[in-house]
Structure formats: C-alpha cells, structure tokens
Amino acid sequence: MTQQLLEKIDRVTVYPDRTWEQFKHIQKGLEGFPNVKLSYYNGTIEILTPGENHEFFKTIIGFLVELFLMDRGVEFIPAGSMTQEKEGTASVQADESYWVAQKKPLPDLSIEVAFTNRVNKLERYSALGVSEVWFWEDGVFTLYHLRQGYERIDRSELPELKDLDINLLARCVLMAQTSRIEAYNEFRKQNLFTI
C-alpha cells in the first residue's frame, strides 16, 4: 500500500493571460483531484496544492468558527472549499466558507489561509460579491467586509459573528499547534462568558 504524505508547504502555479475557456478546460481536467484548488480572475489562473500546514490551520479555524456558531444556536451551512463562480469573470475555492442563518446564492463568509503570495484575492471575492473574507497569515487574522469595495474591519460585521473575539480565535488557533484540547477548552471557556 502506498501512503501519500502531504507536503508541509503549499505549491502554487500561476498562469497569466488565459481565457475563461482555458480555465474551464483545466478545471475539467483536474476533476477528481480533491487536494487541488483552482481560481480564476482577470485572465489569471492559479492552481494551489495545499500543504500539511495549510490544511491544519484551515481545519482548526473552521472547527472553532463552527463551535462558536453552534454554542450560540446559530444555524449555518458549511460550504468548505466549494467552487464559487461567476461565469466568465471569477472562480475561487476558499479554504472554508459558510452560509450563516440561511442559504443565499453565495456564502456569507470565505476564509483563506495564506502561506504564499496569492494574486488578486480580494478582487476575486469582490467580483463574486462575497460579504466577508477573512485571511489567516503569519498567525494573524485580517478581515474585510464588502461595501462599495472591501474595507478592512477589526471584527466581523455579520450579525451572527459580531461577538466573536478575533484575537481569542487567533490565540486558540496558534495554541492548537501544540494541543487541540487546550485550544478547544480555552475557546469554549472564554466564549461561555459572552453567551
């Protein structure tokens, strides 16, 4: 039996000056490869193969966000890295994405773990109309909310997530590198005081 190990680092390939049709052809060719994420915007195709660290952080972040919503009795629909697309314009697969409270044409929140300098991130989401995008990079969250364009914010402006302490979330994500149980306990303990 052959065991495939995740590499620690992300692998990113960027193809500029491509058409939507070329993107769709590549997308079809990579169907069935679950650990490959594709994006397209403004003539640029990006192919990402997430590494072990990338997958670790996106999973922990998703778990804690879901825990926060469940503790508050908020209905949500996890969409993971499903393809979010506007025909001929943009396509993206977030690391984690969520519809909060009810399903709409696109998820309310997309979360990206950034270990590499990825191109046109916010522009892609703006073209799609995703309400909020969070980036995890170098142990810090950076949040953006869509108005006329994206504006940087300190805490979520989605009503169901406005009470989420982003600094606590970041601290617990980092804590999870050494102990998932301690991170879980700290996150629950701190959030129980705010329910």
N, C-alpha and C. Protein backbone atom coordinates (compact mmCIF):
# COMPACT_ATOMS: atom_id res chain seq x y z
N MET A 1 0.85 -1.17 0.00
CA MET A 1 0.00 0.00 0.00
C MET A 1 0.89 1.24 0.00
N THR A 2 0.59 2.17 -0.87
CA THR A 2 1.35 3.41 -0.95
C THR A 2 0.64 4.48 -0.14
N GLN A 3 1.38 5.15 0.72
CA GLN A 3 0.80 6.22 1.52
C GLN A 3 1.32 7.54 0.98
N GLN A 4 0.37 8.45 0.66
CA GLN A 4 0.76 9.76 0.18
C GLN A 4 0.76 10.74 1.35
N LEU A 5 1.91 11.35 1.61
CA LEU A 5 2.02 12.30 2.70
C LEU A 5 1.86 13.72 2.15
N LEU A 6 1.16 14.55 2.88
CA LEU A 6 1.05 15.94 2.50
C LEU A 6 2.39 16.63 2.67
N GLU A 7 2.75 17.47 1.72
CA GLU A 7 3.94 18.27 1.89
C GLU A 7 3.64 19.37 2.89
N LYS A 8 4.67 19.82 3.58
CA LYS A 8 4.48 20.87 4.59
C LYS A 8 4.13 22.22 3.95
N ILE A 9 4.61 22.47 2.74
CA ILE A 9 4.40 23.77 2.12
C ILE A 9 3.42 23.69 0.95
N ASP A 10 2.78 24.82 0.68
CA ASP A 10 1.87 24.91 -0.46
C ASP A 10 2.67 24.96 -1.76
N ARG A 11 2.05 24.46 -2.79
CA ARG A 11 2.61 24.60 -4.14
C ARG A 11 1.61 25.41 -4.95
N VAL A 12 2.10 26.50 -5.54
CA VAL A 12 1.24 27.39 -6.31
C VAL A 12 1.83 27.58 -7.70
N THR A 13 0.98 27.43 -8.71
CA THR A 13 1.36 27.70 -10.08
C THR A 13 0.40 28.74 -10.63
N VAL A 14 0.95 29.78 -11.24
CA VAL A 14 0.13 30.87 -11.78
C VAL A 14 0.33 30.95 -13.29
N TYR A 15 -0.79 31.02 -14.02
CA TYR A 15 -0.77 31.15 -15.47
C TYR A 15 -1.46 32.45 -15.87
N PRO A 16 -0.69 33.47 -16.23
CA PRO A 16 -1.32 34.74 -16.65
C PRO A 16 -1.79 34.65 -18.11
N ASP A 17 -2.57 35.64 -18.50
CA ASP A 17 -3.02 35.78 -19.89
C ASP A 17 -3.75 34.55 -20.41
N ARG A 18 -4.72 34.08 -19.64
CA ARG A 18 -5.52 32.92 -20.02
C ARG A 18 -6.98 33.32 -20.14
N THR A 19 -7.71 32.57 -20.92
CA THR A 19 -9.13 32.85 -21.12
C THR A 19 -9.96 32.02 -20.14
N TRP A 20 -11.22 32.40 -20.01
CA TRP A 20 -12.16 31.64 -19.19
C TRP A 20 -12.28 30.22 -19.74
N GLU A 21 -12.30 30.08 -21.04
CA GLU A 21 -12.43 28.76 -21.67
C GLU A 21 -11.23 27.89 -21.32
N GLN A 22 -10.04 28.46 -21.31
CA GLN A 22 -8.85 27.70 -20.92
C GLN A 22 -8.95 27.27 -19.45
N PHE A 23 -9.44 28.17 -18.62
CA PHE A 23 -9.63 27.85 -17.21
C PHE A 23 -10.59 26.67 -17.06
N LYS A 24 -11.73 26.73 -17.75
CA LYS A 24 -12.73 25.66 -17.64
C LYS A 24 -12.16 24.33 -18.12
N HIS A 25 -11.31 24.37 -19.13
CA HIS A 25 -10.68 23.15 -19.63
C HIS A 25 -9.75 22.55 -18.56
N ILE A 26 -8.95 23.39 -17.92
CA ILE A 26 -8.06 22.92 -16.85
C ILE A 26 -8.89 22.40 -15.68
N GLN A 27 -9.95 23.13 -15.34
CA GLN A 27 -10.83 22.73 -14.24
C GLN A 27 -11.40 21.32 -14.50
N LYS A 28 -11.85 21.09 -15.71
CA LYS A 28 -12.40 19.77 -16.05
C LYS A 28 -11.31 18.69 -15.98
N GLY A 29 -10.11 19.02 -16.44
CA GLY A 29 -9.01 18.07 -16.41
C GLY A 29 -8.56 17.70 -15.00
N LEU A 30 -8.81 18.59 -14.05
CA LEU A 30 -8.39 18.33 -12.67
C LEU A 30 -9.53 17.80 -11.80
N GLU A 31 -10.68 17.53 -12.39
CA GLU A 31 -11.77 16.92 -11.61
C GLU A 31 -11.26 15.60 -11.03
N GLY A 32 -11.64 15.31 -9.82
CA GLY A 32 -11.20 14.07 -9.20
C GLY A 32 -9.89 14.20 -8.44
N PHE A 33 -9.28 15.38 -8.47
CA PHE A 33 -8.09 15.65 -7.68
C PHE A 33 -8.52 16.55 -6.52
N PRO A 34 -8.94 15.96 -5.39
CA PRO A 34 -9.54 16.75 -4.32
C PRO A 34 -8.60 17.71 -3.62
N ASN A 35 -7.31 17.49 -3.69
CA ASN A 35 -6.38 18.36 -2.97
C ASN A 35 -5.77 19.42 -3.89
N VAL A 36 -6.52 19.79 -4.94
CA VAL A 36 -6.08 20.84 -5.85
C VAL A 36 -7.18 21.90 -5.90
N LYS A 37 -6.77 23.15 -5.68
CA LYS A 37 -7.73 24.25 -5.68
C LYS A 37 -7.40 25.18 -6.84
N LEU A 38 -8.45 25.56 -7.56
CA LEU A 38 -8.29 26.43 -8.72
C LEU A 38 -8.96 27.76 -8.51
N SER A 39 -8.39 28.80 -9.09
CA SER A 39 -9.06 30.09 -9.09
C SER A 39 -8.78 30.78 -10.42
N TYR A 40 -9.68 31.70 -10.75
CA TYR A 40 -9.55 32.47 -11.99
C TYR A 40 -10.05 33.88 -11.73
N TYR A 41 -9.28 34.85 -12.22
CA TYR A 41 -9.75 36.23 -12.21
C TYR A 41 -8.86 37.05 -13.13
N ASN A 42 -9.50 37.90 -13.92
CA ASN A 42 -8.79 38.86 -14.75
C ASN A 42 -7.70 38.20 -15.61
N GLY A 43 -8.04 37.06 -16.21
CA GLY A 43 -7.13 36.39 -17.12
C GLY A 43 -6.02 35.59 -16.45
N THR A 44 -6.09 35.43 -15.13
CA THR A 44 -5.05 34.68 -14.43
C THR A 44 -5.64 33.43 -13.78
N ILE A 45 -5.01 32.30 -14.06
CA ILE A 45 -5.39 31.03 -13.46
C ILE A 45 -4.36 30.71 -12.38
N GLU A 46 -4.86 30.31 -11.21
CA GLU A 46 -3.98 29.91 -10.12
C GLU A 46 -4.34 28.49 -9.72
N ILE A 47 -3.33 27.64 -9.63
CA ILE A 47 -3.52 26.26 -9.17
C ILE A 47 -2.75 26.12 -7.86
N LEU A 48 -3.47 25.76 -6.80
CA LEU A 48 -2.87 25.61 -5.48
C LEU A 48 -3.02 24.17 -5.01
N THR A 49 -1.92 23.59 -4.58
CA THR A 49 -1.95 22.32 -3.87
C THR A 49 -1.56 22.63 -2.43
N PRO A 50 -2.55 22.62 -1.51
CA PRO A 50 -2.26 22.98 -0.13
C PRO A 50 -1.36 21.96 0.56
N GLY A 51 -0.45 22.47 1.37
CA GLY A 51 0.43 21.61 2.15
C GLY A 51 -0.19 21.24 3.48
N GLU A 52 0.54 20.47 4.25
CA GLU A 52 0.06 19.98 5.54
C GLU A 52 -0.30 21.12 6.49
N ASN A 53 0.57 22.12 6.59
CA ASN A 53 0.31 23.24 7.49
C ASN A 53 -0.95 24.00 7.08
N HIS A 54 -1.11 24.20 5.81
CA HIS A 54 -2.29 24.89 5.27
C HIS A 54 -3.57 24.15 5.70
N GLU A 55 -3.57 22.86 5.49
CA GLU A 55 -4.74 22.05 5.83
C GLU A 55 -5.00 22.03 7.33
N PHE A 56 -3.94 21.99 8.13
CA PHE A 56 -4.09 22.02 9.58
C PHE A 56 -4.79 23.30 10.01
N PHE A 57 -4.28 24.45 9.58
CA PHE A 57 -4.84 25.72 10.02
C PHE A 57 -6.26 25.93 9.52
N LYS A 58 -6.55 25.59 8.29
CA LYS A 58 -7.91 25.78 7.78
C LYS A 58 -8.91 24.91 8.53
N THR A 59 -8.49 23.72 8.93
CA THR A 59 -9.38 22.82 9.67
C THR A 59 -9.63 23.33 11.08
N ILE A 60 -8.59 23.78 11.76
CA ILE A 60 -8.74 24.30 13.13
C ILE A 60 -9.60 25.56 13.11
N ILE A 61 -9.35 26.47 12.17
CA ILE A 61 -10.14 27.70 12.08
C ILE A 61 -11.60 27.36 11.84
N GLY A 62 -11.86 26.47 10.91
CA GLY A 62 -13.24 26.06 10.62
C GLY A 62 -13.91 25.45 11.83
N PHE A 63 -13.19 24.60 12.55
CA PHE A 63 -13.75 23.97 13.74
C PHE A 63 -14.15 25.01 14.79
N LEU A 64 -13.27 25.97 15.04
CA LEU A 64 -13.55 26.98 16.06
C LEU A 64 -14.68 27.92 15.65
N VAL A 65 -14.73 28.30 14.39
CA VAL A 65 -15.83 29.15 13.91
C VAL A 65 -17.15 28.40 14.05
N GLU A 66 -17.17 27.13 13.67
CA GLU A 66 -18.38 26.32 13.79
C GLU A 66 -18.78 26.14 15.25
N LEU A 67 -17.80 25.93 16.12
CA LEU A 67 -18.07 25.79 17.55
C LEU A 67 -18.73 27.07 18.08
N PHE A 68 -18.20 28.22 17.69
CA PHE A 68 -18.77 29.50 18.11
C PHE A 68 -20.24 29.61 17.68
N LEU A 69 -20.51 29.29 16.43
CA LEU A 69 -21.88 29.39 15.92
C LEU A 69 -22.81 28.40 16.62
N MET A 70 -22.34 27.17 16.83
CA MET A 70 -23.17 26.17 17.49
C MET A 70 -23.46 26.54 18.94
N ASP A 71 -22.45 27.05 19.64
CA ASP A 71 -22.64 27.46 21.03
C ASP A 71 -23.70 28.55 21.16
N ARG A 72 -23.88 29.32 20.11
CA ARG A 72 -24.87 30.40 20.13
C ARG A 72 -26.20 30.01 19.48
N GLY A 73 -26.30 28.77 19.07
CA GLY A 73 -27.55 28.30 18.47
C GLY A 73 -27.83 28.90 17.11
N VAL A 74 -26.77 29.27 16.38
CA VAL A 74 -26.93 29.87 15.05
C VAL A 74 -26.87 28.77 14.00
N GLU A 75 -27.90 28.72 13.19
CA GLU A 75 -27.88 27.79 12.05
C GLU A 75 -26.89 28.29 11.01
N PHE A 76 -26.14 27.37 10.45
CA PHE A 76 -25.19 27.71 9.40
C PHE A 76 -25.03 26.50 8.49
N ILE A 77 -24.54 26.77 7.30
CA ILE A 77 -24.27 25.69 6.35
C ILE A 77 -22.81 25.81 5.94
N PRO A 78 -21.99 24.83 6.32
CA PRO A 78 -20.59 24.87 5.89
C PRO A 78 -20.50 24.51 4.41
N ALA A 79 -19.75 25.30 3.67
CA ALA A 79 -19.58 25.04 2.24
C ALA A 79 -18.15 24.64 1.90
N GLY A 80 -17.28 24.61 2.93
CA GLY A 80 -15.90 24.17 2.71
C GLY A 80 -15.24 24.92 1.57
N SER A 81 -14.62 24.18 0.68
CA SER A 81 -13.92 24.80 -0.45
C SER A 81 -14.68 24.63 -1.76
N MET A 82 -16.02 24.63 -1.65
CA MET A 82 -16.81 24.51 -2.87
C MET A 82 -16.46 25.65 -3.84
N THR A 83 -16.63 25.41 -5.11
CA THR A 83 -16.34 26.42 -6.11
C THR A 83 -17.40 27.51 -6.08
N GLN A 84 -16.94 28.75 -5.94
CA GLN A 84 -17.80 29.93 -6.01
C GLN A 84 -17.45 30.60 -7.34
N GLU A 85 -18.45 30.80 -8.18
CA GLU A 85 -18.13 31.19 -9.55
C GLU A 85 -19.13 32.18 -10.13
N LYS A 86 -18.61 33.09 -10.93
CA LYS A 86 -19.42 33.98 -11.75
C LYS A 86 -18.94 33.77 -13.17
N GLU A 87 -19.77 33.17 -13.97
CA GLU A 87 -19.43 32.74 -15.33
C GLU A 87 -18.65 33.80 -16.10
N GLY A 88 -17.47 33.41 -16.59
CA GLY A 88 -16.66 34.26 -17.43
C GLY A 88 -15.86 35.33 -16.69
N THR A 89 -16.07 35.46 -15.38
CA THR A 89 -15.44 36.55 -14.63
C THR A 89 -14.49 36.07 -13.55
N ALA A 90 -15.01 35.24 -12.64
CA ALA A 90 -14.20 34.85 -11.49
C ALA A 90 -14.63 33.48 -10.99
N SER A 91 -13.65 32.76 -10.45
CA SER A 91 -13.90 31.47 -9.81
C SER A 91 -12.89 31.34 -8.67
N VAL A 92 -13.37 30.85 -7.53
CA VAL A 92 -12.49 30.71 -6.38
C VAL A 92 -12.96 29.54 -5.52
N GLN A 93 -12.03 28.93 -4.83
CA GLN A 93 -12.32 27.89 -3.85
C GLN A 93 -11.67 28.32 -2.55
N ALA A 94 -12.47 28.85 -1.63
CA ALA A 94 -11.95 29.27 -0.33
C ALA A 94 -11.48 28.05 0.45
N ASP A 95 -10.72 28.28 1.49
CA ASP A 95 -10.35 27.17 2.37
C ASP A 95 -11.55 26.71 3.18
N GLU A 96 -12.30 27.66 3.70
CA GLU A 96 -13.56 27.39 4.40
C GLU A 96 -14.53 28.48 4.00
N SER A 97 -15.80 28.13 3.88
CA SER A 97 -16.82 29.14 3.59
C SER A 97 -18.13 28.70 4.23
N TYR A 98 -18.95 29.72 4.53
CA TYR A 98 -20.18 29.45 5.29
C TYR A 98 -21.33 30.33 4.83
N TRP A 99 -22.50 29.73 4.78
CA TRP A 99 -23.74 30.48 4.76
C TRP A 99 -24.15 30.57 6.23
N VAL A 100 -24.48 31.77 6.68
CA VAL A 100 -24.86 31.95 8.07
C VAL A 100 -26.35 32.31 8.12
N ALA A 101 -27.08 31.59 8.95
CA ALA A 101 -28.52 31.75 9.17
C ALA A 101 -29.35 31.15 8.04
N GLN A 102 -29.04 31.49 6.79
CA GLN A 102 -29.81 30.91 5.68
C GLN A 102 -28.96 30.87 4.42
N LYS A 103 -29.35 29.99 3.50
CA LYS A 103 -28.62 29.83 2.26
C LYS A 103 -28.99 30.94 1.28
N LYS A 104 -27.98 31.49 0.63
CA LYS A 104 -28.13 32.53 -0.37
C LYS A 104 -27.37 32.08 -1.62
N PRO A 105 -27.35 32.88 -2.67
CA PRO A 105 -26.61 32.43 -3.86
C PRO A 105 -25.14 32.13 -3.59
N LEU A 106 -24.49 32.94 -2.74
CA LEU A 106 -23.09 32.71 -2.39
C LEU A 106 -22.94 32.69 -0.87
N PRO A 107 -21.94 31.99 -0.35
CA PRO A 107 -21.71 32.01 1.09
C PRO A 107 -21.48 33.44 1.61
N ASP A 108 -21.83 33.66 2.88
CA ASP A 108 -21.64 34.96 3.53
C ASP A 108 -20.18 35.21 3.88
N LEU A 109 -19.46 34.14 4.19
CA LEU A 109 -18.10 34.25 4.69
C LEU A 109 -17.20 33.26 3.97
N SER A 110 -16.05 33.77 3.53
CA SER A 110 -15.00 32.91 2.99
C SER A 110 -13.73 33.15 3.80
N ILE A 111 -13.05 32.06 4.13
CA ILE A 111 -11.82 32.14 4.92
C ILE A 111 -10.68 31.56 4.10
N GLU A 112 -9.59 32.30 4.04
CA GLU A 112 -8.41 31.89 3.29
C GLU A 112 -7.21 31.79 4.22
N VAL A 113 -6.48 30.68 4.13
CA VAL A 113 -5.19 30.53 4.80
C VAL A 113 -4.14 30.88 3.76
N ALA A 114 -3.31 31.87 4.07
CA ALA A 114 -2.33 32.35 3.08
C ALA A 114 -0.91 32.03 3.54
N PHE A 115 -0.28 31.07 2.87
CA PHE A 115 1.13 30.77 3.12
C PHE A 115 1.99 31.23 1.95
N THR A 116 1.32 31.62 0.88
CA THR A 116 2.04 32.04 -0.32
C THR A 116 1.43 33.35 -0.80
N ASN A 117 2.16 34.07 -1.60
CA ASN A 117 1.67 35.32 -2.13
C ASN A 117 0.71 35.02 -3.29
N ARG A 118 -0.57 34.94 -2.95
CA ARG A 118 -1.56 34.59 -3.96
C ARG A 118 -2.12 35.87 -4.56
N VAL A 119 -2.41 35.82 -5.86
CA VAL A 119 -2.78 37.02 -6.61
C VAL A 119 -4.27 37.33 -6.54
N ASN A 120 -4.61 38.61 -6.57
CA ASN A 120 -5.99 39.09 -6.75
C ASN A 120 -7.00 38.52 -5.77
N LYS A 121 -6.61 38.22 -4.56
CA LYS A 121 -7.53 37.55 -3.63
C LYS A 121 -8.82 38.33 -3.42
N LEU A 122 -8.71 39.54 -2.94
CA LEU A 122 -9.92 40.31 -2.65
C LEU A 122 -10.67 40.68 -3.92
N GLU A 123 -9.97 40.94 -4.99
CA GLU A 123 -10.63 41.29 -6.25
C GLU A 123 -11.53 40.15 -6.73
N ARG A 124 -11.06 38.93 -6.57
CA ARG A 124 -11.86 37.76 -6.96
C ARG A 124 -13.16 37.71 -6.17
N TYR A 125 -13.03 37.86 -4.84
CA TYR A 125 -14.22 37.79 -4.00
C TYR A 125 -15.15 38.97 -4.25
N SER A 126 -14.60 40.13 -4.54
CA SER A 126 -15.42 41.30 -4.84
C SER A 126 -16.24 41.06 -6.11
N ALA A 127 -15.60 40.49 -7.11
CA ALA A 127 -16.31 40.19 -8.36
C ALA A 127 -17.46 39.22 -8.13
N LEU A 128 -17.31 38.36 -7.12
CA LEU A 128 -18.36 37.40 -6.80
C LEU A 128 -19.44 37.99 -5.90
N GLY A 129 -19.05 38.97 -5.07
CA GLY A 129 -19.99 39.59 -4.14
C GLY A 129 -20.08 38.90 -2.79
N VAL A 130 -19.00 38.25 -2.34
CA VAL A 130 -18.98 37.59 -1.03
C VAL A 130 -18.93 38.68 0.05
N SER A 131 -19.84 38.62 1.02
CA SER A 131 -19.97 39.67 2.04
C SER A 131 -18.72 39.89 2.86
N GLU A 132 -18.10 38.80 3.32
CA GLU A 132 -16.95 38.95 4.20
C GLU A 132 -15.89 37.93 3.87
N VAL A 133 -14.62 38.37 3.91
CA VAL A 133 -13.48 37.50 3.66
C VAL A 133 -12.48 37.69 4.79
N TRP A 134 -12.03 36.55 5.35
CA TRP A 134 -11.02 36.57 6.40
C TRP A 134 -9.77 35.87 5.88
N PHE A 135 -8.62 36.47 6.16
CA PHE A 135 -7.34 35.87 5.81
C PHE A 135 -6.58 35.52 7.08
N TRP A 136 -6.00 34.33 7.10
CA TRP A 136 -5.11 33.90 8.18
C TRP A 136 -3.71 33.86 7.59
N GLU A 137 -2.84 34.73 8.10
CA GLU A 137 -1.48 34.77 7.57
C GLU A 137 -0.53 35.16 8.70
N ASP A 138 0.53 34.39 8.85
CA ASP A 138 1.55 34.65 9.88
C ASP A 138 0.94 34.79 11.28
N GLY A 139 -0.04 33.96 11.60
CA GLY A 139 -0.61 33.93 12.94
C GLY A 139 -1.58 35.06 13.25
N VAL A 140 -2.05 35.75 12.23
CA VAL A 140 -2.94 36.90 12.42
C VAL A 140 -4.10 36.81 11.43
N PHE A 141 -5.28 37.21 11.90
CA PHE A 141 -6.44 37.33 11.02
C PHE A 141 -6.53 38.76 10.50
N THR A 142 -6.86 38.89 9.22
CA THR A 142 -7.19 40.17 8.62
C THR A 142 -8.57 39.99 8.00
N LEU A 143 -9.51 40.84 8.40
CA LEU A 143 -10.91 40.71 7.98
C LEU A 143 -11.30 41.85 7.06
N TYR A 144 -12.15 41.53 6.07
CA TYR A 144 -12.65 42.52 5.12
C TYR A 144 -14.15 42.33 4.95
N HIS A 145 -14.86 43.44 4.88
CA HIS A 145 -16.30 43.43 4.64
C HIS A 145 -16.59 44.20 3.35
N LEU A 146 -17.47 43.66 2.53
CA LEU A 146 -17.77 44.26 1.23
C LEU A 146 -18.79 45.38 1.37
N ARG A 147 -18.42 46.55 0.90
CA ARG A 147 -19.33 47.69 0.78
C ARG A 147 -19.31 48.09 -0.70
N GLN A 148 -18.76 49.25 -1.04
CA GLN A 148 -18.52 49.59 -2.46
C GLN A 148 -17.36 48.73 -2.97
N GLY A 149 -16.43 48.49 -2.12
CA GLY A 149 -15.30 47.57 -2.30
C GLY A 149 -15.07 46.98 -0.92
N TYR A 150 -14.01 46.22 -0.76
CA TYR A 150 -13.74 45.66 0.57
C TYR A 150 -13.07 46.70 1.46
N GLU A 151 -13.54 46.76 2.69
CA GLU A 151 -12.94 47.60 3.72
C GLU A 151 -12.44 46.69 4.83
N ARG A 152 -11.25 47.02 5.31
CA ARG A 152 -10.68 46.24 6.42
C ARG A 152 -11.47 46.55 7.69
N ILE A 153 -11.76 45.51 8.47
CA ILE A 153 -12.52 45.65 9.71
C ILE A 153 -11.79 44.93 10.84
N ASP A 154 -12.13 45.28 12.08
CA ASP A 154 -11.48 44.66 13.24
C ASP A 154 -12.23 43.44 13.75
N ARG A 155 -13.54 43.40 13.49
CA ARG A 155 -14.36 42.25 13.90
C ARG A 155 -15.42 42.04 12.84
N SER A 156 -15.97 40.86 12.83
CA SER A 156 -16.97 40.54 11.81
C SER A 156 -18.16 41.50 11.89
N GLU A 157 -18.69 41.85 10.74
CA GLU A 157 -19.91 42.65 10.68
C GLU A 157 -21.12 41.80 10.31
N LEU A 158 -20.92 40.49 10.18
CA LEU A 158 -22.05 39.60 10.02
C LEU A 158 -22.72 39.51 11.39
N PRO A 159 -24.02 39.77 11.49
CA PRO A 159 -24.68 39.83 12.80
C PRO A 159 -24.41 38.62 13.69
N GLU A 160 -24.37 37.45 13.11
CA GLU A 160 -24.20 36.22 13.89
C GLU A 160 -22.77 36.03 14.39
N LEU A 161 -21.81 36.75 13.80
CA LEU A 161 -20.40 36.60 14.17
C LEU A 161 -19.81 37.86 14.81
N LYS A 162 -20.63 38.88 15.01
CA LYS A 162 -20.11 40.16 15.52
C LYS A 162 -19.50 40.05 16.91
N ASP A 163 -19.93 39.07 17.71
CA ASP A 163 -19.40 38.92 19.06
C ASP A 163 -18.18 37.99 19.13
N LEU A 164 -17.77 37.47 18.01
CA LEU A 164 -16.59 36.59 18.01
C LEU A 164 -15.33 37.43 18.22
N ASP A 165 -14.60 37.12 19.27
CA ASP A 165 -13.35 37.81 19.58
C ASP A 165 -12.26 37.26 18.65
N ILE A 166 -11.88 38.05 17.68
CA ILE A 166 -10.92 37.60 16.66
C ILE A 166 -9.55 37.35 17.28
N ASN A 167 -9.16 38.12 18.28
CA ASN A 167 -7.87 37.89 18.94
C ASN A 167 -7.88 36.56 19.69
N LEU A 168 -8.98 36.24 20.35
CA LEU A 168 -9.12 34.95 21.02
C LEU A 168 -9.06 33.82 19.99
N LEU A 169 -9.76 34.00 18.88
CA LEU A 169 -9.74 32.99 17.82
C LEU A 169 -8.30 32.75 17.35
N ALA A 170 -7.56 33.81 17.09
CA ALA A 170 -6.17 33.68 16.63
C ALA A 170 -5.31 32.99 17.70
N ARG A 171 -5.48 33.38 18.94
CA ARG A 171 -4.71 32.78 20.04
C ARG A 171 -4.98 31.28 20.12
N CYS A 172 -6.23 30.90 19.99
CA CYS A 172 -6.58 29.47 20.09
C CYS A 172 -6.12 28.69 18.86
N VAL A 173 -6.13 29.30 17.70
CA VAL A 173 -5.60 28.63 16.50
C VAL A 173 -4.12 28.34 16.70
N LEU A 174 -3.38 29.32 17.21
CA LEU A 174 -1.95 29.11 17.47
C LEU A 174 -1.73 28.08 18.56
N MET A 175 -2.55 28.12 19.61
CA MET A 175 -2.46 27.17 20.71
C MET A 175 -2.68 25.74 20.19
N ALA A 176 -3.52 25.59 19.20
CA ALA A 176 -3.85 24.26 18.67
C ALA A 176 -2.65 23.57 18.02
N GLN A 177 -1.61 24.32 17.72
CA GLN A 177 -0.41 23.71 17.15
C GLN A 177 0.23 22.74 18.14
N THR A 178 0.08 23.02 19.44
CA THR A 178 0.66 22.12 20.44
C THR A 178 -0.39 21.26 21.13
N SER A 179 -1.63 21.79 21.27
CA SER A 179 -2.69 20.99 21.90
C SER A 179 -4.06 21.45 21.41
N ARG A 180 -4.71 20.59 20.66
CA ARG A 180 -6.06 20.90 20.20
C ARG A 180 -7.03 20.94 21.38
N ILE A 181 -6.82 20.08 22.37
CA ILE A 181 -7.70 20.04 23.54
C ILE A 181 -7.60 21.35 24.32
N GLU A 182 -6.38 21.82 24.58
CA GLU A 182 -6.22 23.09 25.30
C GLU A 182 -6.84 24.25 24.51
N ALA A 183 -6.66 24.26 23.22
CA ALA A 183 -7.24 25.32 22.38
C ALA A 183 -8.76 25.29 22.47
N TYR A 184 -9.32 24.10 22.36
CA TYR A 184 -10.78 23.93 22.47
C TYR A 184 -11.28 24.42 23.83
N ASN A 185 -10.63 23.97 24.90
CA ASN A 185 -11.06 24.35 26.25
C ASN A 185 -10.97 25.86 26.47
N GLU A 186 -9.90 26.48 26.02
CA GLU A 186 -9.74 27.93 26.18
C GLU A 186 -10.81 28.68 25.37
N PHE A 187 -11.03 28.24 24.17
CA PHE A 187 -12.02 28.91 23.31
C PHE A 187 -13.43 28.80 23.91
N ARG A 188 -13.79 27.61 24.37
CA ARG A 188 -15.11 27.42 24.98
C ARG A 188 -15.23 28.21 26.27
N LYS A 189 -14.20 28.16 27.11
CA LYS A 189 -14.24 28.86 28.40
C LYS A 189 -14.44 30.37 28.18
N GLN A 190 -13.68 30.96 27.28
CA GLN A 190 -13.78 32.40 27.03
C GLN A 190 -15.09 32.77 26.38
N ASN A 191 -15.61 31.92 25.50
CA ASN A 191 -16.86 32.23 24.80
C ASN A 191 -18.08 31.98 25.66
N LEU A 192 -18.00 31.09 26.63
CA LEU A 192 -19.14 30.85 27.51
C LEU A 192 -19.47 32.09 28.34
N PHE A 193 -18.45 32.90 28.60
CA PHE A 193 -18.68 34.12 29.38
C PHE A 193 -19.43 35.18 28.57
N THR A 194 -19.40 35.06 27.24
CA THR A 194 -20.03 36.09 26.41
C THR A 194 -21.38 35.67 25.84
N ILE A 195 -21.82 34.45 26.16
CA ILE A 195 -23.12 33.98 25.62
C ILE A 195 -24.25 34.67 26.39
